[in-house]
C-alpha atoms as a PDB file:
ATOM      1  CA  MET A   1     116.009 143.750 149.910  1.00  0.00           C
ATOM      2  CA  ASP A   2     116.713 144.660 146.370  1.00  0.00           C
ATOM      3  CA  ILE A   3     115.726 142.964 143.686  1.00  0.00           C
ATOM      4  CA  LEU A   4     118.796 144.264 141.354  1.00  0.00           C
ATOM      5  CA  SER A   5     121.203 142.492 143.804  1.00  0.00           C
ATOM      6  CA  ILE A   6     119.405 138.832 143.637  1.00  0.00           C
ATOM      7  CA  TYR A   7     119.474 139.136 139.390  1.00  0.00           C
ATOM      8  CA  ILE A   8     123.199 140.567 139.637  1.00  0.00           C
ATOM      9  CA  GLY A   9     123.737 137.747 141.652  1.00  0.00           C
ATOM     10  CA  TYR A  10     122.051 134.989 139.777  1.00  0.00           C
ATOM     11  CA  LEU A  11     123.529 135.843 136.235  1.00  0.00           C
ATOM     12  CA  SER A  12     126.656 136.008 137.830  1.00  0.00           C
ATOM     13  CA  ASP A  13     126.471 132.444 138.803  1.00  0.00           C
ATOM     14  CA  LEU A  14     125.306 131.670 135.398  1.00  0.00           C
ATOM     15  CA  ILE A  15     128.351 133.000 133.883  1.00  0.00           C
ATOM     16  CA  PHE A  16     131.097 132.649 136.300  1.00  0.00           C
ATOM     17  CA  GLY A  17     130.128 129.764 138.729  1.00  0.00           C
ATOM     18  CA  ASP A  18     132.482 128.967 141.414  1.00  0.00           C
ATOM     19  CA  PRO A  19     136.322 129.974 140.623  1.00  0.00           C
ATOM     20  CA  TYR A  20     138.429 127.625 142.629  1.00  0.00           C
ATOM     21  CA  SER A  21     140.662 130.409 143.605  1.00  0.00           C
ATOM     22  CA  PHE A  22     137.676 132.484 145.057  1.00  0.00           C
ATOM     23  CA  PRO A  23     137.681 132.990 148.607  1.00  0.00           C
ATOM     24  CA  HIS A  24     134.242 131.261 148.956  1.00  0.00           C
ATOM     25  CA  PRO A  25     132.190 131.855 152.279  1.00  0.00           C
ATOM     26  CA  VAL A  26     131.671 128.433 152.796  1.00  0.00           C
ATOM     27  CA  ARG A  27     135.323 127.659 153.467  1.00  0.00           C
ATOM     28  CA  TYR A  28     134.988 130.173 156.411  1.00  0.00           C
ATOM     29  CA  ILE A  29     131.809 128.317 157.586  1.00  0.00           C
ATOM     30  CA  GLY A  30     133.373 125.116 157.563  1.00  0.00           C
ATOM     31  CA  ASN A  31     136.528 126.258 159.465  1.00  0.00           C
ATOM     32  CA  LEU A  32     134.059 127.704 161.926  1.00  0.00           C
ATOM     33  CA  ILE A  33     132.311 124.429 162.292  1.00  0.00           C
ATOM     34  CA  ARG A  34     135.629 122.468 162.626  1.00  0.00           C
ATOM     35  CA  PHE A  35     136.758 125.140 165.139  1.00  0.00           C
ATOM     36  CA  ILE A  36     133.527 124.450 167.474  1.00  0.00           C
ATOM     37  CA  GLU A  37     133.185 121.067 166.774  1.00  0.00           C
ATOM     38  CA  LYS A  38     136.542 120.438 168.585  1.00  0.00           C
ATOM     39  CA  ILE A  39     135.546 122.503 171.560  1.00  0.00           C
ATOM     40  CA  ILE A  40     132.395 120.862 171.950  1.00  0.00           C
ATOM     41  CA  ARG A  41     134.153 117.209 171.545  1.00  0.00           C
ATOM     42  CA  LYS A  42     136.734 118.101 174.341  1.00  0.00           C
ATOM     43  CA  SER A  43     134.253 119.069 176.611  1.00  0.00           C
ATOM     44  CA  THR A  44     132.103 116.031 176.648  1.00  0.00           C
ATOM     45  CA  THR A  45     132.159 112.542 175.409  1.00  0.00           C
ATOM     46  CA  THR A  46     128.611 111.230 176.252  1.00  0.00           C
ATOM     47  CA  ARG A  47     125.943 110.550 173.630  1.00  0.00           C
ATOM     48  CA  LEU A  48     123.770 112.974 175.398  1.00  0.00           C
ATOM     49  CA  GLY A  49     126.345 115.599 175.661  1.00  0.00           C
ATOM     50  CA  LEU A  50     127.082 115.525 172.200  1.00  0.00           C
ATOM     51  CA  LYS A  51     123.526 116.036 170.801  1.00  0.00           C
ATOM     52  CA  ILE A  52     123.297 118.994 172.841  1.00  0.00           C
ATOM     53  CA  GLY A  53     126.627 120.196 171.824  1.00  0.00           C
ATOM     54  CA  GLY A  54     125.077 119.211 167.989  1.00  0.00           C
ATOM     55  CA  PHE A  55     122.221 121.657 168.649  1.00  0.00           C
ATOM     56  CA  ILE A  56     124.642 124.381 170.421  1.00  0.00           C
ATOM     57  CA  LEU A  57     126.994 123.895 167.089  1.00  0.00           C
ATOM     58  CA  ASN A  58     124.062 124.759 164.896  1.00  0.00           C
ATOM     59  CA  ILE A  59     123.040 127.876 166.839  1.00  0.00           C
ATOM     60  CA  LEU A  60     126.522 129.176 167.279  1.00  0.00           C
ATOM     61  CA  VAL A  61     127.400 128.936 163.279  1.00  0.00           C
ATOM     62  CA  VAL A  62     124.073 129.653 161.841  1.00  0.00           C
ATOM     63  CA  GLY A  63     123.690 132.586 164.164  1.00  0.00           C
ATOM     64  CA  VAL A  64     127.300 133.945 163.647  1.00  0.00           C
ATOM     65  CA  THR A  65     126.856 133.734 159.829  1.00  0.00           C
ATOM     66  CA  TYR A  66     123.565 135.480 159.680  1.00  0.00           C
ATOM     67  CA  LEU A  67     124.985 138.114 161.984  1.00  0.00           C
ATOM     68  CA  ILE A  68     128.162 138.748 160.374  1.00  0.00           C
ATOM     69  CA  THR A  69     125.928 138.835 156.829  1.00  0.00           C
ATOM     70  CA  PHE A  70     123.177 141.120 158.274  1.00  0.00           C
ATOM     71  CA  LEU A  71     125.700 143.765 160.171  1.00  0.00           C
ATOM     72  CA  LEU A  72     127.757 144.170 156.981  1.00  0.00           C
ATOM     73  CA  LEU A  73     125.313 144.608 154.741  1.00  0.00           C
ATOM     74  CA  LYS A  74     123.460 147.255 157.252  1.00  0.00           C
ATOM     75  CA  PHE A  75     127.251 148.864 157.382  1.00  0.00           C
ATOM     76  CA  LEU A  76     127.435 149.223 153.700  1.00  0.00           C
ATOM     77  CA  LYS A  77     124.308 150.385 153.004  1.00  0.00           C
ATOM     78  CA  GLU A  78     124.443 153.306 155.347  1.00  0.00           C
ATOM     79  CA  ILE A  79     127.974 154.289 154.111  1.00  0.00           C
ATOM     80  CA  ASN A  80     127.540 153.542 150.231  1.00  0.00           C
ATOM     81  CA  TYR A  81     124.918 152.535 148.390  1.00  0.00           C
ATOM     82  CA  TYR A  82     126.498 151.525 145.292  1.00  0.00           C
ATOM     83  CA  LEU A  83     128.998 149.048 147.329  1.00  0.00           C
ATOM     84  CA  TYR A  84     126.417 147.819 149.377  1.00  0.00           C
ATOM     85  CA  ILE A  85     124.675 146.684 145.829  1.00  0.00           C
ATOM     86  CA  ILE A  86     127.873 144.973 144.736  1.00  0.00           C
ATOM     87  CA  ILE A  87     128.610 143.465 148.000  1.00  0.00           C
ATOM     88  CA  ASN A  88     125.335 142.238 148.008  1.00  0.00           C
ATOM     89  CA  SER A  89     125.296 140.733 144.865  1.00  0.00           C
ATOM     90  CA  LEU A  90     128.422 138.994 145.373  1.00  0.00           C
ATOM     91  CA  ILE A  91     126.996 137.353 148.662  1.00  0.00           C
ATOM     92  CA  ILE A  92     124.004 136.397 146.583  1.00  0.00           C
ATOM     93  CA  TYR A  93     126.228 134.878 143.862  1.00  0.00           C
ATOM     94  CA  THR A  94     127.937 132.882 146.423  1.00  0.00           C
ATOM     95  CA  THR A  95     125.235 130.989 147.532  1.00  0.00           C
ATOM     96  CA  LEU A  96     123.762 129.733 144.295  1.00  0.00           C
ATOM     97  CA  ALA A  97     125.699 126.835 142.445  1.00  0.00           C
ATOM     98  CA  THR A  98     124.021 126.253 139.233  1.00  0.00           C
ATOM     99  CA  LYS A  99     127.006 126.495 137.193  1.00  0.00           C
ATOM    100  CA  CYS A 100     129.339 124.447 139.262  1.00  0.00           C
ATOM    101  CA  LEU A 101     126.621 121.711 138.985  1.00  0.00           C
ATOM    102  CA  LYS A 102     126.557 121.671 135.573  1.00  0.00           C
ATOM    103  CA  ASP A 103     130.252 122.053 135.051  1.00  0.00           C
ATOM    104  CA  GLU A 104     130.896 119.080 137.802  1.00  0.00           C
ATOM    105  CA  ALA A 105     128.647 116.929 135.688  1.00  0.00           C
ATOM    106  CA  THR A 106     129.778 118.078 132.330  1.00  0.00           C
ATOM    107  CA  LYS A 107     133.269 116.926 133.152  1.00  0.00           C
ATOM    108  CA  ILE A 108     132.124 113.392 133.940  1.00  0.00           C
ATOM    109  CA  TYR A 109     130.062 113.191 130.820  1.00  0.00           C
ATOM    110  CA  ASN A 110     133.180 114.199 128.722  1.00  0.00           C
ATOM    111  CA  VAL A 111     135.581 111.592 130.613  1.00  0.00           C
ATOM    112  CA  ILE A 112     132.755 108.879 129.895  1.00  0.00           C
ATOM    113  CA  LYS A 113     132.428 109.986 126.414  1.00  0.00           C
ATOM    114  CA  GLU A 114     136.419 109.253 126.065  1.00  0.00           C
ATOM    115  CA  GLY A 115     135.687 105.998 127.644  1.00  0.00           C
ATOM    116  CA  ASP A 116     138.086 106.119 130.668  1.00  0.00           C
ATOM    117  CA  ILE A 117     136.261 104.719 133.146  1.00  0.00           C
ATOM    118  CA  GLU A 118     138.719 104.895 135.830  1.00  0.00           C
ATOM    119  CA  LYS A 119     138.937 108.758 135.428  1.00  0.00           C
ATOM    120  CA  SER A 120     135.322 109.078 135.639  1.00  0.00           C
ATOM    121  CA  ARG A 121     134.680 106.987 138.821  1.00  0.00           C
ATOM    122  CA  LYS A 122     137.583 109.261 140.354  1.00  0.00           C
ATOM    123  CA  GLN A 123     135.851 112.582 139.225  1.00  0.00           C
ATOM    124  CA  LEU A 124     132.787 111.435 140.662  1.00  0.00           C
ATOM    125  CA  SER A 125     134.188 110.779 144.105  1.00  0.00           C
ATOM    126  CA  TYR A 126     134.690 114.566 144.400  1.00  0.00           C
ATOM    127  CA  ILE A 127     130.944 115.330 144.360  1.00  0.00           C
ATOM    128  CA  VAL A 128     129.106 112.602 146.045  1.00  0.00           C
ATOM    129  CA  GLY A 129     129.771 110.738 149.205  1.00  0.00           C
ATOM    130  CA  ARG A 130     129.464 106.990 147.678  1.00  0.00           C
ATOM    131  CA  ASP A 131     131.957 104.699 146.987  1.00  0.00           C
ATOM    132  CA  THR A 132     133.105 105.051 143.826  1.00  0.00           C
ATOM    133  CA  LYS A 133     136.051 102.558 143.151  1.00  0.00           C
ATOM    134  CA  ASN A 134     133.682  99.695 141.363  1.00  0.00           C
ATOM    135  CA  LEU A 135     130.803 101.423 139.858  1.00  0.00           C
ATOM    136  CA  SER A 136     129.982 100.609 136.282  1.00  0.00           C
ATOM    137  CA  LYS A 137     129.363 103.175 133.519  1.00  0.00           C
ATOM    138  CA  ASP A 138     125.266 103.122 134.305  1.00  0.00           C
ATOM    139  CA  GLU A 139     125.996 103.501 138.101  1.00  0.00           C
ATOM    140  CA  ILE A 140     128.228 106.297 137.670  1.00  0.00           C
ATOM    141  CA  VAL A 141     125.526 107.999 135.051  1.00  0.00           C
ATOM    142  CA  ARG A 142     123.284 107.154 137.500  1.00  0.00           C
ATOM    143  CA  ALA A 143     125.001 108.933 140.553  1.00  0.00           C
ATOM    144  CA  VAL A 144     125.584 112.184 138.729  1.00  0.00           C
ATOM    145  CA  ILE A 145     121.975 112.465 137.742  1.00  0.00           C
ATOM    146  CA  GLU A 146     120.871 112.078 141.298  1.00  0.00           C
ATOM    147  CA  THR A 147     123.697 114.524 142.643  1.00  0.00           C
ATOM    148  CA  VAL A 148     122.533 117.123 139.904  1.00  0.00           C
ATOM    149  CA  ALA A 149     118.705 116.440 140.770  1.00  0.00           C
ATOM    150  CA  GLU A 150     119.458 116.516 144.779  1.00  0.00           C
ATOM    151  CA  ASN A 151     121.595 119.601 144.539  1.00  0.00           C
ATOM    152  CA  THR A 152     118.890 121.600 142.334  1.00  0.00           C
ATOM    153  CA  VAL A 153     117.448 121.856 145.604  1.00  0.00           C
ATOM    154  CA  ASP A 154     120.025 122.623 148.342  1.00  0.00           C
ATOM    155  CA  GLY A 155     122.385 124.478 145.864  1.00  0.00           C
ATOM    156  CA  ILE A 156     119.696 126.737 144.128  1.00  0.00           C
ATOM    157  CA  ILE A 157     116.072 126.409 144.811  1.00  0.00           C
ATOM    158  CA  SER A 158     116.558 126.473 148.615  1.00  0.00           C
ATOM    159  CA  PRO A 159     119.063 129.302 148.897  1.00  0.00           C
ATOM    160  CA  MET A 160     116.842 131.418 146.425  1.00  0.00           C
ATOM    161  CA  PHE A 161     113.983 130.682 148.280  1.00  0.00           C
ATOM    162  CA  TYR A 162     115.609 132.038 151.614  1.00  0.00           C
ATOM    163  CA  LEU A 163     117.085 134.739 149.887  1.00  0.00           C
ATOM    164  CA  PHE A 164     113.542 136.174 148.581  1.00  0.00           C
ATOM    165  CA  ILE A 165     112.309 135.707 152.226  1.00  0.00           C
ATOM    166  CA  GLY A 166     115.146 137.437 153.753  1.00  0.00           C
ATOM    167  CA  GLY A 167     117.693 138.867 151.705  1.00  0.00           C
ATOM    168  CA  ALA A 168     121.458 137.618 151.413  1.00  0.00           C
ATOM    169  CA  PRO A 169     121.790 137.068 155.406  1.00  0.00           C
ATOM    170  CA  LEU A 170     118.834 134.428 155.618  1.00  0.00           C
ATOM    171  CA  ALA A 171     120.139 132.535 152.282  1.00  0.00           C
ATOM    172  CA  MET A 172     123.815 132.749 153.903  1.00  0.00           C
ATOM    173  CA  ALA A 173     121.966 131.369 157.162  1.00  0.00           C
ATOM    174  CA  TYR A 174     120.735 128.353 154.863  1.00  0.00           C
ATOM    175  CA  LYS A 175     124.034 127.868 153.542  1.00  0.00           C
ATOM    176  CA  ALA A 176     125.343 127.437 156.928  1.00  0.00           C
ATOM    177  CA  ILE A 177     122.764 124.757 157.634  1.00  0.00           C
ATOM    178  CA  ASN A 178     123.514 123.120 154.603  1.00  0.00           C
ATOM    179  CA  THR A 179     127.540 123.140 155.369  1.00  0.00           C
ATOM    180  CA  LEU A 180     126.727 121.590 158.952  1.00  0.00           C
ATOM    181  CA  ASP A 181     124.684 118.874 157.451  1.00  0.00           C
ATOM    182  CA  SER A 182     127.269 118.052 154.777  1.00  0.00           C
ATOM    183  CA  MET A 183     130.258 118.168 157.401  1.00  0.00           C
ATOM    184  CA  VAL A 184     128.896 116.463 160.286  1.00  0.00           C
ATOM    185  CA  GLY A 185     125.357 115.311 159.387  1.00  0.00           C
ATOM    186  CA  TYR A 186     126.086 111.613 158.952  1.00  0.00           C
ATOM    187  CA  LYS A 187     124.875 108.423 160.755  1.00  0.00           C
ATOM    188  CA  ASN A 188     127.999 106.758 161.009  1.00  0.00           C
ATOM    189  CA  GLU A 189     129.493 106.134 164.623  1.00  0.00           C
ATOM    190  CA  LYS A 190     131.649 109.448 164.436  1.00  0.00           C
ATOM    191  CA  TYR A 191     128.683 111.757 163.978  1.00  0.00           C
ATOM    192  CA  ILE A 192     125.667 110.007 164.704  1.00  0.00           C
ATOM    193  CA  ASP A 193     125.039 112.434 167.992  1.00  0.00           C
ATOM    194  CA  ILE A 194     126.826 115.449 167.296  1.00  0.00           C
ATOM    195  CA  GLY A 195     125.544 115.559 163.791  1.00  0.00           C
ATOM    196  CA  PHE A 196     121.879 114.685 164.839  1.00  0.00           C
ATOM    197  CA  ALA A 197     120.754 118.372 164.920  1.00  0.00           C
ATOM    198  CA  SER A 198     122.532 119.250 161.823  1.00  0.00           C
ATOM    199  CA  ALA A 199     120.692 116.431 159.849  1.00  0.00           C
ATOM    200  CA  LYS A 200     117.129 117.280 161.175  1.00  0.00           C
ATOM    201  CA  ILE A 201     117.557 120.878 160.749  1.00  0.00           C
ATOM    202  CA  ASP A 202     118.781 120.845 157.159  1.00  0.00           C
ATOM    203  CA  ASP A 203     115.897 118.279 156.624  1.00  0.00           C
ATOM    204  CA  ILE A 204     113.402 121.084 158.003  1.00  0.00           C
ATOM    205  CA  ALA A 205     115.006 123.983 156.233  1.00  0.00           C
ATOM    206  CA  ASN A 206     114.732 122.019 152.677  1.00  0.00           C
ATOM    207  CA  PHE A 207     111.302 120.475 153.364  1.00  0.00           C
ATOM    208  CA  ILE A 208     109.293 123.552 151.396  1.00  0.00           C
ATOM    209  CA  PRO A 209     112.204 123.918 148.935  1.00  0.00           C
ATOM    210  CA  ALA A 210     112.049 120.468 148.031  1.00  0.00           C
ATOM    211  CA  ARG A 211     108.357 120.178 147.060  1.00  0.00           C
ATOM    212  CA  LEU A 212     108.780 123.258 145.074  1.00  0.00           C
ATOM    213  CA  THR A 213     111.436 121.847 143.138  1.00  0.00           C
ATOM    214  CA  ALA A 214     109.795 118.900 142.069  1.00  0.00           C
ATOM    215  CA  ILE A 215     106.696 121.569 140.730  1.00  0.00           C
ATOM    216  CA  PHE A 216     109.402 123.987 138.839  1.00  0.00           C
ATOM    217  CA  MET A 217     110.968 120.960 137.607  1.00  0.00           C
ATOM    218  CA  THR A 218     107.402 119.908 135.866  1.00  0.00           C
ATOM    219  CA  PHE A 219     107.276 123.140 134.374  1.00  0.00           C
ATOM    220  CA  ALA A 220     110.939 122.866 133.202  1.00  0.00           C
ATOM    221  CA  THR A 221     110.297 119.346 131.593  1.00  0.00           C
ATOM    222  CA  PHE A 222     107.072 120.725 130.041  1.00  0.00           C
ATOM    223  CA  ILE A 223     109.232 123.470 128.418  1.00  0.00           C
ATOM    224  CA  LEU A 224     111.876 121.253 127.350  1.00  0.00           C
ATOM    225  CA  ARG A 225     109.460 118.721 125.854  1.00  0.00           C
ATOM    226  CA  LEU A 226     110.155 115.877 128.210  1.00  0.00           C
ATOM    227  CA  ASP A 227     107.529 113.553 130.241  1.00  0.00           C
ATOM    228  CA  TYR A 228     106.299 116.295 132.219  1.00  0.00           C
ATOM    229  CA  ARG A 229     103.362 113.960 133.176  1.00  0.00           C
ATOM    230  CA  SER A 230     105.451 111.328 134.633  1.00  0.00           C
ATOM    231  CA  CYS A 231     107.584 113.796 135.991  1.00  0.00           C
ATOM    232  CA  ILE A 232     105.260 115.009 138.777  1.00  0.00           C
ATOM    233  CA  LYS A 233     103.643 111.406 138.840  1.00  0.00           C
ATOM    234  CA  ILE A 234     106.975 109.605 139.779  1.00  0.00           C
ATOM    235  CA  ALA A 235     107.760 112.794 142.314  1.00  0.00           C
ATOM    236  CA  ILE A 236     104.658 112.213 144.141  1.00  0.00           C
ATOM    237  CA  ARG A 237     104.415 108.158 143.874  1.00  0.00           C
ATOM    238  CA  ASP A 238     107.801 107.545 145.130  1.00  0.00           C
ATOM    239  CA  ARG A 239     108.243 110.474 147.169  1.00  0.00           C
ATOM    240  CA  LYS A 240     109.247 108.081 150.385  1.00  0.00           C
ATOM    241  CA  ASN A 241     111.805 106.008 148.450  1.00  0.00           C
ATOM    242  CA  HIS A 242     114.458 107.727 150.147  1.00  0.00           C
ATOM    243  CA  LYS A 243     116.142 108.018 153.581  1.00  0.00           C
ATOM    244  CA  SER A 244     116.014 111.733 153.200  1.00  0.00           C
ATOM    245  CA  PRO A 245     112.225 113.077 153.542  1.00  0.00           C
ATOM    246  CA  ASN A 246     113.325 115.772 150.778  1.00  0.00           C
ATOM    247  CA  CYS A 247     115.589 113.925 148.142  1.00  0.00           C
ATOM    248  CA  ALA A 248     113.246 111.695 146.476  1.00  0.00           C
ATOM    249  CA  TYR A 249     111.087 114.833 145.226  1.00  0.00           C
ATOM    250  CA  PRO A 250     113.909 116.111 142.680  1.00  0.00           C
ATOM    251  CA  GLU A 251     115.092 112.594 142.252  1.00  0.00           C
ATOM    252  CA  GLY A 252     111.431 111.456 141.301  1.00  0.00           C
ATOM    253  CA  ALA A 253     110.663 114.335 139.002  1.00  0.00           C
ATOM    254  CA  VAL A 254     114.100 114.097 136.935  1.00  0.00           C
ATOM    255  CA  ALA A 255     113.409 110.016 136.868  1.00  0.00           C
ATOM    256  CA  GLY A 256     109.893 110.663 135.378  1.00  0.00           C
ATOM    257  CA  ALA A 257     110.975 113.276 132.831  1.00  0.00           C
ATOM    258  CA  LEU A 258     113.454 111.063 131.574  1.00  0.00           C
ATOM    259  CA  ASN A 259     111.795 107.612 131.897  1.00  0.00           C
ATOM    260  CA  ILE A 260     114.331 106.025 133.686  1.00  0.00           C
ATOM    261  CA  GLN A 261     115.153 104.349 137.110  1.00  0.00           C
ATOM    262  CA  LEU A 262     117.133 105.854 139.866  1.00  0.00           C
ATOM    263  CA  GLY A 263     118.202 105.099 143.145  1.00  0.00           C
ATOM    264  CA  GLY A 264     119.087 101.594 144.436  1.00  0.00           C
ATOM    265  CA  THR A 265     121.787  99.866 146.551  1.00  0.00           C
ATOM    266  CA  ASN A 266     124.837 101.764 146.876  1.00  0.00           C
ATOM    267  CA  TYR A 267     128.242 101.177 149.108  1.00  0.00           C
ATOM    268  CA  TYR A 268     129.116 104.045 151.893  1.00  0.00           C
ATOM    269  CA  PHE A 269     132.705 103.721 153.270  1.00  0.00           C
ATOM    270  CA  GLY A 270     132.578  99.891 152.428  1.00  0.00           C
ATOM    271  CA  GLU A 271     129.041  99.274 153.812  1.00  0.00           C
ATOM    272  CA  LYS A 272     126.297  98.149 151.597  1.00  0.00           C
ATOM    273  CA  VAL A 273     123.220 100.365 151.902  1.00  0.00           C
ATOM    274  CA  PHE A 274     119.916  99.063 150.489  1.00  0.00           C
ATOM    275  CA  LYS A 275     118.037 102.223 148.913  1.00  0.00           C
ATOM    276  CA  PRO A 276     114.468 101.828 147.272  1.00  0.00           C
ATOM    277  CA  THR A 277     114.389 102.431 143.420  1.00  0.00           C
ATOM    278  CA  ILE A 278     112.872 105.778 142.542  1.00  0.00           C
ATOM    279  CA  GLY A 279     111.069 105.765 138.709  1.00  0.00           C
ATOM    280  CA  ASP A 280     110.347 103.160 136.235  1.00  0.00           C
ATOM    281  CA  LYS A 281     112.859 101.601 134.066  1.00  0.00           C
ATOM    282  CA  VAL A 282     111.015 102.269 130.793  1.00  0.00           C
ATOM    283  CA  ARG A 283     114.215 102.693 129.124  1.00  0.00           C
ATOM    284  CA  GLU A 284     118.169 101.976 129.967  1.00  0.00           C
ATOM    285  CA  ILE A 285     120.056 105.175 131.695  1.00  0.00           C
ATOM    286  CA  ASN A 286     122.723 106.605 129.149  1.00  0.00           C
ATOM    287  CA  GLU A 287     125.652 109.407 129.444  1.00  0.00           C
ATOM    288  CA  GLU A 288     123.310 111.719 127.310  1.00  0.00           C
ATOM    289  CA  ASP A 289     120.947 111.800 130.319  1.00  0.00           C
ATOM    290  CA  ILE A 290     123.308 113.789 132.181  1.00  0.00           C
ATOM    291  CA  LEU A 291     123.107 116.977 129.527  1.00  0.00           C
ATOM    292  CA  THR A 292     119.494 116.416 129.945  1.00  0.00           C
ATOM    293  CA  THR A 293     119.783 116.579 133.425  1.00  0.00           C
ATOM    294  CA  ASN A 294     121.590 119.893 133.424  1.00  0.00           C
ATOM    295  CA  GLN A 295     119.113 121.190 130.996  1.00  0.00           C
ATOM    296  CA  ILE A 296     116.316 120.508 133.504  1.00  0.00           C
ATOM    297  CA  MET A 297     118.358 121.870 136.578  1.00  0.00           C
ATOM    298  CA  TYR A 298     119.115 125.362 134.349  1.00  0.00           C
ATOM    299  CA  VAL A 299     115.033 125.660 133.023  1.00  0.00           C
ATOM    300  CA  THR A 300     114.067 125.087 136.902  1.00  0.00           C
ATOM    301  CA  SER A 301     116.241 127.735 138.121  1.00  0.00           C
ATOM    302  CA  PHE A 302     114.686 130.051 135.655  1.00  0.00           C
ATOM    303  CA  ILE A 303     111.354 129.122 136.459  1.00  0.00           C
ATOM    304  CA  ALA A 304     111.821 129.730 140.126  1.00  0.00           C
ATOM    305  CA  ILE A 305     113.532 133.391 140.021  1.00  0.00           C
ATOM    306  CA  ILE A 306     110.686 134.365 137.783  1.00  0.00           C
ATOM    307  CA  ILE A 307     108.022 133.150 140.477  1.00  0.00           C
ATOM    308  CA  PHE A 308     109.843 134.136 143.249  1.00  0.00           C
ATOM    309  CA  SER A 309     109.722 137.372 142.124  1.00  0.00           C
ATOM    310  CA  MET A 310     106.279 137.591 140.947  1.00  0.00           C
ATOM    311  CA  LEU A 311     105.119 136.350 144.568  1.00  0.00           C
ATOM    312  CA  ARG A 312     107.707 138.883 146.225  1.00  0.00           C
ATOM    313  CA  TYR A 313     107.524 141.629 144.175  1.00  0.00           C
ATOM    314  CA  GLY A 314     104.182 141.528 142.089  1.00  0.00           C
ATOM    315  CA  GLY A 315     101.796 142.861 144.608  1.00  0.00           C
END
């Protein structure tokens, strides 16, 4: 593993984000998931068969992703070290999503500032799974903050965590796990069985990074002169106020830092889903909180890469 590639990849993500025309590896992972899913659904229709098929889906997709990345980098390292550094940096760059998250959140912020509620609902629908057509301005802002907070884990800290443990191959394997969860890890009728394994494995993969994120966010809010005491307090107190065993940690940290309340009832595919609230409503939420959440995310990513570097290479 080469620290130079890690920092090149990290800085490239901060500078360039994810260009829409760029052939992102996640697209190919998604294609592989759909291909194998179709084969499994043709092979079995029973609930048990689909659950077993879901585990096979995970083994194949994650295994193929890791193996291709590992063999490619091993081959490049043997033929040309400089080419290896370039490609390794490029792969690492694709596993991180800091600027992409910031850009998507800022787009919605700008539309809200323009007063175009309909357009902001549409923009939000591109990045969340909940129904957005009837959301109020405050509900849109809340959804953006929750999305940035949650994705600080699976878009930044988790891939970075696995990157420092096992290099680009393990980081790409994590992206495969995360993509599986986002594509089939639902609890609706279509995916509850075949997506069972994907949802559980994603929870396991994010277990440690989610808790580290809350700690890193506390450091970040201290640096940003926000309420760092409430940041860690709410992250711990409300850690179970989410259907996911992981999401309440970053959401709670952000809610505490901003002294706002997140969570609550949402609609998914026309169905009303009741969720506990996260944080205390010390003040009303407003659109400026989106920009502050972006700042927390950026500083958190910087703290994470420094701490991971010290732990991995300090000794």
